[in-house]
Every structure is written in structure tokens, then in C-alpha cells.
């Protein structure tokens, strides 16, 4: 069985305007910044990353109600940005403000 599930917390640092696909589905994208301390090979290390994120449907509508600076926990899956762009984007399936 194939698995592609990501759970991460962070701060919204960019949030674009809610828009709609030609089929009328709400969509929003942005960037989430993550800081944490993780253990790797018995060594504590600081982790920092910024993730491009996108949400569709009810999740997009919920995300549009949030603001830059809000802390969130998101669950979703990773996919390339487009067929011609291999950059990874986290597609949000669940978002919780924390």
C-alpha cells in the first residue's frame, strides 16, 4: 500500500486570495513556516522550513478565514506543483488553528 501523508504545524507567512476553479471549486494557496527541534542520530537539531501549501473546497474556505501569523496544524499529501514543475506542494486535507 502506498502512503503519502504529512502532518506539520507552523505559522502562515503568506496567504493568497481565495479564488475558484473553472468548475467553481474554491482554492487558496500560501506558505507555512515551520520551526522545531528534532532528534536525528541521537543528536538534537533545529529544523526550519517553509512549505508551499494549497487547499481546495471546504478546506480552502476555512483557510481563507485565517490570517498571516496564525499558527496551524495541517494534514495533507505531497505532490509536485505541476507536470512541468517538480517543486513539492502540500495539499491540505485538514487544517486546525492552534
N, C-alpha and C. Protein backbone atom coordinates (compact mmCIF):
# COMPACT_ATOMS: atom_id res chain seq x y z
N UNK A 1 0.83 -1.18 0.00
CA UNK A 1 0.00 0.00 0.00
C UNK A 1 0.88 1.24 0.00
N UNK A 2 0.55 2.18 -0.85
CA UNK A 2 1.30 3.42 -0.95
C UNK A 2 0.82 4.41 0.10
N UNK A 3 1.76 5.14 0.69
CA UNK A 3 1.41 6.10 1.73
C UNK A 3 2.00 7.47 1.37
N UNK A 4 1.19 8.50 1.46
CA UNK A 4 1.63 9.87 1.23
C UNK A 4 0.81 10.75 2.16
N UNK A 5 1.27 10.88 3.39
CA UNK A 5 0.55 11.65 4.40
C UNK A 5 1.56 12.48 5.17
N UNK A 6 1.26 13.76 5.32
CA UNK A 6 2.14 14.67 6.03
C UNK A 6 1.33 15.43 7.07
N UNK A 7 1.88 15.52 8.29
CA UNK A 7 1.28 16.32 9.36
C UNK A 7 2.37 17.25 9.85
N UNK A 8 2.07 18.54 9.88
CA UNK A 8 3.07 19.52 10.30
C UNK A 8 2.37 20.73 10.89
N UNK A 9 3.03 21.38 11.83
CA UNK A 9 2.49 22.62 12.39
C UNK A 9 3.39 23.76 11.97
N UNK A 10 2.82 24.95 11.98
CA UNK A 10 3.61 26.11 11.59
C UNK A 10 2.79 27.38 11.60
N UNK A 11 3.40 28.42 11.08
CA UNK A 11 2.80 29.75 11.04
C UNK A 11 2.54 30.14 9.59
N UNK A 12 1.38 30.68 9.34
CA UNK A 12 1.07 31.16 7.98
C UNK A 12 1.89 32.42 7.73
N UNK A 13 2.73 32.40 6.68
CA UNK A 13 3.53 33.57 6.34
C UNK A 13 3.10 34.20 5.02
N UNK A 14 2.36 33.46 4.23
CA UNK A 14 1.76 34.03 3.01
C UNK A 14 0.42 33.34 2.79
N UNK A 15 -0.59 34.13 2.47
CA UNK A 15 -1.92 33.59 2.21
C UNK A 15 -2.53 34.39 1.07
N UNK A 16 -2.68 33.74 -0.06
CA UNK A 16 -3.23 34.42 -1.22
C UNK A 16 -4.75 34.49 -1.13
N UNK A 17 -5.34 35.21 -2.03
CA UNK A 17 -6.78 35.43 -2.05
C UNK A 17 -7.50 34.15 -2.49
N UNK A 18 -8.63 33.87 -1.85
CA UNK A 18 -9.47 32.74 -2.25
C UNK A 18 -9.95 32.97 -3.68
N UNK A 19 -9.79 31.96 -4.51
CA UNK A 19 -10.26 32.03 -5.89
C UNK A 19 -11.04 30.77 -6.20
N UNK A 20 -11.52 30.65 -7.42
CA UNK A 20 -12.34 29.50 -7.80
C UNK A 20 -11.84 28.89 -9.11
N UNK A 21 -11.87 27.57 -9.17
CA UNK A 21 -11.52 26.87 -10.40
C UNK A 21 -12.63 27.10 -11.42
N UNK A 22 -12.37 26.79 -12.70
CA UNK A 22 -13.44 26.91 -13.70
C UNK A 22 -14.69 26.08 -13.35
N UNK A 23 -14.50 25.03 -12.56
CA UNK A 23 -15.63 24.20 -12.12
C UNK A 23 -16.33 24.78 -10.89
N UNK A 24 -15.85 25.92 -10.39
CA UNK A 24 -16.48 26.57 -9.24
C UNK A 24 -16.01 26.09 -7.89
N UNK A 25 -14.90 25.35 -7.84
CA UNK A 25 -14.37 24.83 -6.57
C UNK A 25 -13.45 25.88 -5.95
N UNK A 26 -13.66 26.24 -4.68
CA UNK A 26 -12.77 27.20 -4.01
C UNK A 26 -11.35 26.65 -3.90
N UNK A 27 -10.36 27.52 -4.09
CA UNK A 27 -8.96 27.13 -3.95
C UNK A 27 -8.17 28.31 -3.38
N UNK A 28 -7.23 27.99 -2.50
CA UNK A 28 -6.36 29.02 -1.92
C UNK A 28 -4.97 28.41 -1.74
N UNK A 29 -3.95 29.23 -1.87
CA UNK A 29 -2.59 28.74 -1.65
C UNK A 29 -1.83 29.75 -0.81
N UNK A 30 -0.70 29.29 -0.29
CA UNK A 30 0.12 30.14 0.56
C UNK A 30 1.39 29.43 0.97
N UNK A 31 2.00 29.94 2.04
CA UNK A 31 3.25 29.38 2.56
C UNK A 31 3.14 29.28 4.07
N UNK A 32 3.58 28.15 4.61
CA UNK A 32 3.61 27.90 6.06
C UNK A 32 5.06 27.71 6.48
N UNK A 33 5.45 28.41 7.55
CA UNK A 33 6.82 28.33 8.10
C UNK A 33 6.79 27.42 9.32
N UNK A 34 7.74 26.50 9.39
CA UNK A 34 7.81 25.53 10.50
C UNK A 34 9.17 25.63 11.19
N UNK A 35 9.13 25.71 12.53
CA UNK A 35 10.33 25.62 13.37
C UNK A 35 10.09 24.51 14.38
N UNK A 36 11.11 23.69 14.62
CA UNK A 36 11.01 22.70 15.70
C UNK A 36 12.40 22.18 16.03
N UNK A 37 12.47 21.41 17.11
CA UNK A 37 13.67 20.68 17.47
C UNK A 37 13.38 19.20 17.27
N UNK A 38 14.24 18.52 16.56
CA UNK A 38 14.06 17.10 16.27
C UNK A 38 15.33 16.35 16.63
N UNK A 39 15.16 15.08 16.93
CA UNK A 39 16.31 14.26 17.23
C UNK A 39 16.63 13.40 16.01
N UNK A 40 17.90 13.42 15.63
CA UNK A 40 18.37 12.63 14.49
C UNK A 40 19.73 12.04 14.85
N UNK A 41 19.85 10.74 14.76
CA UNK A 41 21.09 10.05 15.11
C UNK A 41 21.55 10.43 16.51
N UNK A 42 20.58 10.48 17.44
CA UNK A 42 20.82 10.81 18.84
C UNK A 42 21.38 12.21 19.06
N UNK A 43 21.19 13.07 18.06
CA UNK A 43 21.64 14.47 18.17
C UNK A 43 20.42 15.36 17.98
N UNK A 44 20.30 16.33 18.88
CA UNK A 44 19.21 17.30 18.77
C UNK A 44 19.56 18.32 17.70
N UNK A 45 18.60 18.62 16.82
CA UNK A 45 18.87 19.62 15.80
C UNK A 45 17.66 20.51 15.61
N UNK A 46 17.92 21.74 15.24
CA UNK A 46 16.85 22.68 14.94
C UNK A 46 16.44 22.49 13.49
N UNK A 47 15.13 22.49 13.28
CA UNK A 47 14.59 22.31 11.94
C UNK A 47 13.81 23.56 11.57
N UNK A 48 14.05 24.05 10.37
CA UNK A 48 13.32 25.20 9.84
C UNK A 48 13.01 24.92 8.38
N UNK A 49 11.77 25.16 7.98
CA UNK A 49 11.43 25.04 6.57
C UNK A 49 10.22 25.89 6.27
N UNK A 50 10.06 26.22 5.02
CA UNK A 50 8.87 26.89 4.53
C UNK A 50 8.26 25.98 3.47
N UNK A 51 6.96 25.73 3.61
CA UNK A 51 6.26 24.83 2.70
C UNK A 51 5.21 25.58 1.91
N UNK A 52 5.21 25.36 0.60
CA UNK A 52 4.10 25.84 -0.22
C UNK A 52 2.91 24.93 0.05
N UNK A 53 1.74 25.53 0.24
CA UNK A 53 0.53 24.76 0.55
C UNK A 53 -0.61 25.20 -0.37
N UNK A 54 -1.55 24.29 -0.58
CA UNK A 54 -2.75 24.59 -1.36
C UNK A 54 -3.92 23.83 -0.75
N UNK A 55 -5.10 24.43 -0.79
CA UNK A 55 -6.30 23.77 -0.26
C UNK A 55 -7.44 24.01 -1.24
N UNK A 56 -8.32 23.01 -1.32
CA UNK A 56 -9.48 23.08 -2.20
C UNK A 56 -10.76 22.86 -1.39
N UNK A 57 -11.88 23.31 -1.94
CA UNK A 57 -13.19 23.04 -1.36
C UNK A 57 -13.38 23.69 0.00
N UNK A 58 -14.03 22.94 0.91
CA UNK A 58 -14.33 23.46 2.26
C UNK A 58 -13.06 23.82 3.02
N UNK A 59 -11.99 23.07 2.77
CA UNK A 59 -10.72 23.36 3.44
C UNK A 59 -10.18 24.71 2.99
N UNK A 60 -10.34 25.03 1.71
CA UNK A 60 -9.91 26.34 1.20
C UNK A 60 -10.72 27.46 1.83
N UNK A 61 -12.01 27.26 1.95
CA UNK A 61 -12.88 28.26 2.57
C UNK A 61 -12.48 28.49 4.03
N UNK A 62 -12.19 27.40 4.75
CA UNK A 62 -11.74 27.52 6.14
C UNK A 62 -10.42 28.26 6.22
N UNK A 63 -9.49 27.95 5.33
CA UNK A 63 -8.18 28.59 5.35
C UNK A 63 -8.29 30.08 5.03
N UNK A 64 -9.24 30.43 4.18
CA UNK A 64 -9.43 31.84 3.82
C UNK A 64 -9.84 32.68 5.03
N UNK A 65 -10.40 32.04 6.05
CA UNK A 65 -10.80 32.73 7.27
C UNK A 65 -9.65 32.95 8.23
N UNK A 66 -8.47 32.44 7.90
CA UNK A 66 -7.29 32.61 8.75
C UNK A 66 -6.48 33.82 8.28
N UNK A 67 -5.46 34.18 9.05
CA UNK A 67 -4.65 35.35 8.74
C UNK A 67 -3.17 35.02 8.80
N UNK A 68 -2.38 35.85 8.16
CA UNK A 68 -0.93 35.73 8.28
C UNK A 68 -0.56 35.86 9.75
N UNK A 69 0.31 34.99 10.22
CA UNK A 69 0.72 34.97 11.62
C UNK A 69 -0.02 33.93 12.45
N UNK A 70 -1.14 33.40 11.93
CA UNK A 70 -1.87 32.36 12.65
C UNK A 70 -1.05 31.07 12.68
N UNK A 71 -1.10 30.37 13.82
CA UNK A 71 -0.45 29.08 13.95
C UNK A 71 -1.46 27.98 13.65
N UNK A 72 -1.04 27.02 12.83
CA UNK A 72 -1.94 25.96 12.38
C UNK A 72 -1.25 24.61 12.42
N UNK A 73 -2.07 23.56 12.44
CA UNK A 73 -1.58 22.19 12.24
C UNK A 73 -2.32 21.68 11.01
N UNK A 74 -1.56 21.20 10.04
CA UNK A 74 -2.17 20.76 8.80
C UNK A 74 -1.82 19.31 8.52
N UNK A 75 -2.77 18.64 7.90
CA UNK A 75 -2.60 17.27 7.43
C UNK A 75 -2.90 17.27 5.94
N UNK A 76 -2.11 16.56 5.20
CA UNK A 76 -2.34 16.51 3.76
C UNK A 76 -1.39 15.56 3.08
N UNK A 77 -1.21 15.77 1.78
CA UNK A 77 -0.31 14.93 0.99
C UNK A 77 0.56 15.81 0.10
N UNK A 78 1.72 15.27 -0.26
CA UNK A 78 2.66 15.99 -1.11
C UNK A 78 2.46 15.63 -2.57
N UNK A 79 2.58 16.64 -3.42
CA UNK A 79 2.51 16.42 -4.86
C UNK A 79 3.36 17.49 -5.54
N UNK A 80 3.77 17.24 -6.74
CA UNK A 80 4.53 18.25 -7.48
C UNK A 80 3.59 19.38 -7.87
N UNK A 81 4.16 20.57 -8.05
CA UNK A 81 3.35 21.76 -8.33
C UNK A 81 2.59 21.63 -9.64
N UNK A 82 3.23 21.08 -10.65
CA UNK A 82 2.58 20.87 -11.95
C UNK A 82 3.36 19.80 -12.69
N UNK A 83 2.87 19.43 -13.85
CA UNK A 83 3.57 18.41 -14.64
C UNK A 83 4.95 18.88 -15.07
N UNK A 84 5.13 20.19 -15.19
CA UNK A 84 6.42 20.71 -15.63
C UNK A 84 7.27 21.28 -14.49
N UNK A 85 6.70 21.38 -13.29
CA UNK A 85 7.41 21.94 -12.14
C UNK A 85 7.47 20.90 -11.02
N UNK A 86 8.66 20.35 -10.74
CA UNK A 86 8.77 19.30 -9.72
C UNK A 86 8.76 19.80 -8.28
N UNK A 87 8.63 21.11 -8.05
CA UNK A 87 8.59 21.64 -6.68
C UNK A 87 7.44 20.98 -5.92
N UNK A 88 7.71 20.56 -4.68
CA UNK A 88 6.67 19.92 -3.87
C UNK A 88 5.73 20.95 -3.25
N UNK A 89 4.45 20.59 -3.22
CA UNK A 89 3.41 21.40 -2.60
C UNK A 89 2.61 20.48 -1.68
N UNK A 90 2.31 20.96 -0.48
CA UNK A 90 1.48 20.20 0.45
C UNK A 90 0.01 20.53 0.19
N UNK A 91 -0.75 19.55 -0.25
CA UNK A 91 -2.19 19.70 -0.48
C UNK A 91 -2.89 19.42 0.85
N UNK A 92 -3.53 20.43 1.40
CA UNK A 92 -4.13 20.33 2.73
C UNK A 92 -5.48 19.64 2.67
N UNK A 93 -5.64 18.60 3.50
CA UNK A 93 -6.93 17.94 3.62
C UNK A 93 -7.61 18.29 4.95
N UNK A 94 -6.81 18.72 5.94
CA UNK A 94 -7.36 19.14 7.23
C UNK A 94 -6.49 20.24 7.80
N UNK A 95 -7.15 21.27 8.37
CA UNK A 95 -6.43 22.39 8.95
C UNK A 95 -7.07 22.72 10.29
N UNK A 96 -6.21 22.89 11.31
CA UNK A 96 -6.68 23.21 12.65
C UNK A 96 -5.87 24.43 13.13
N UNK A 97 -6.56 25.46 13.58
CA UNK A 97 -5.86 26.60 14.17
C UNK A 97 -5.46 26.24 15.58
N UNK A 98 -4.18 26.49 15.94
CA UNK A 98 -3.68 26.14 17.27
C UNK A 98 -3.18 27.38 18.01
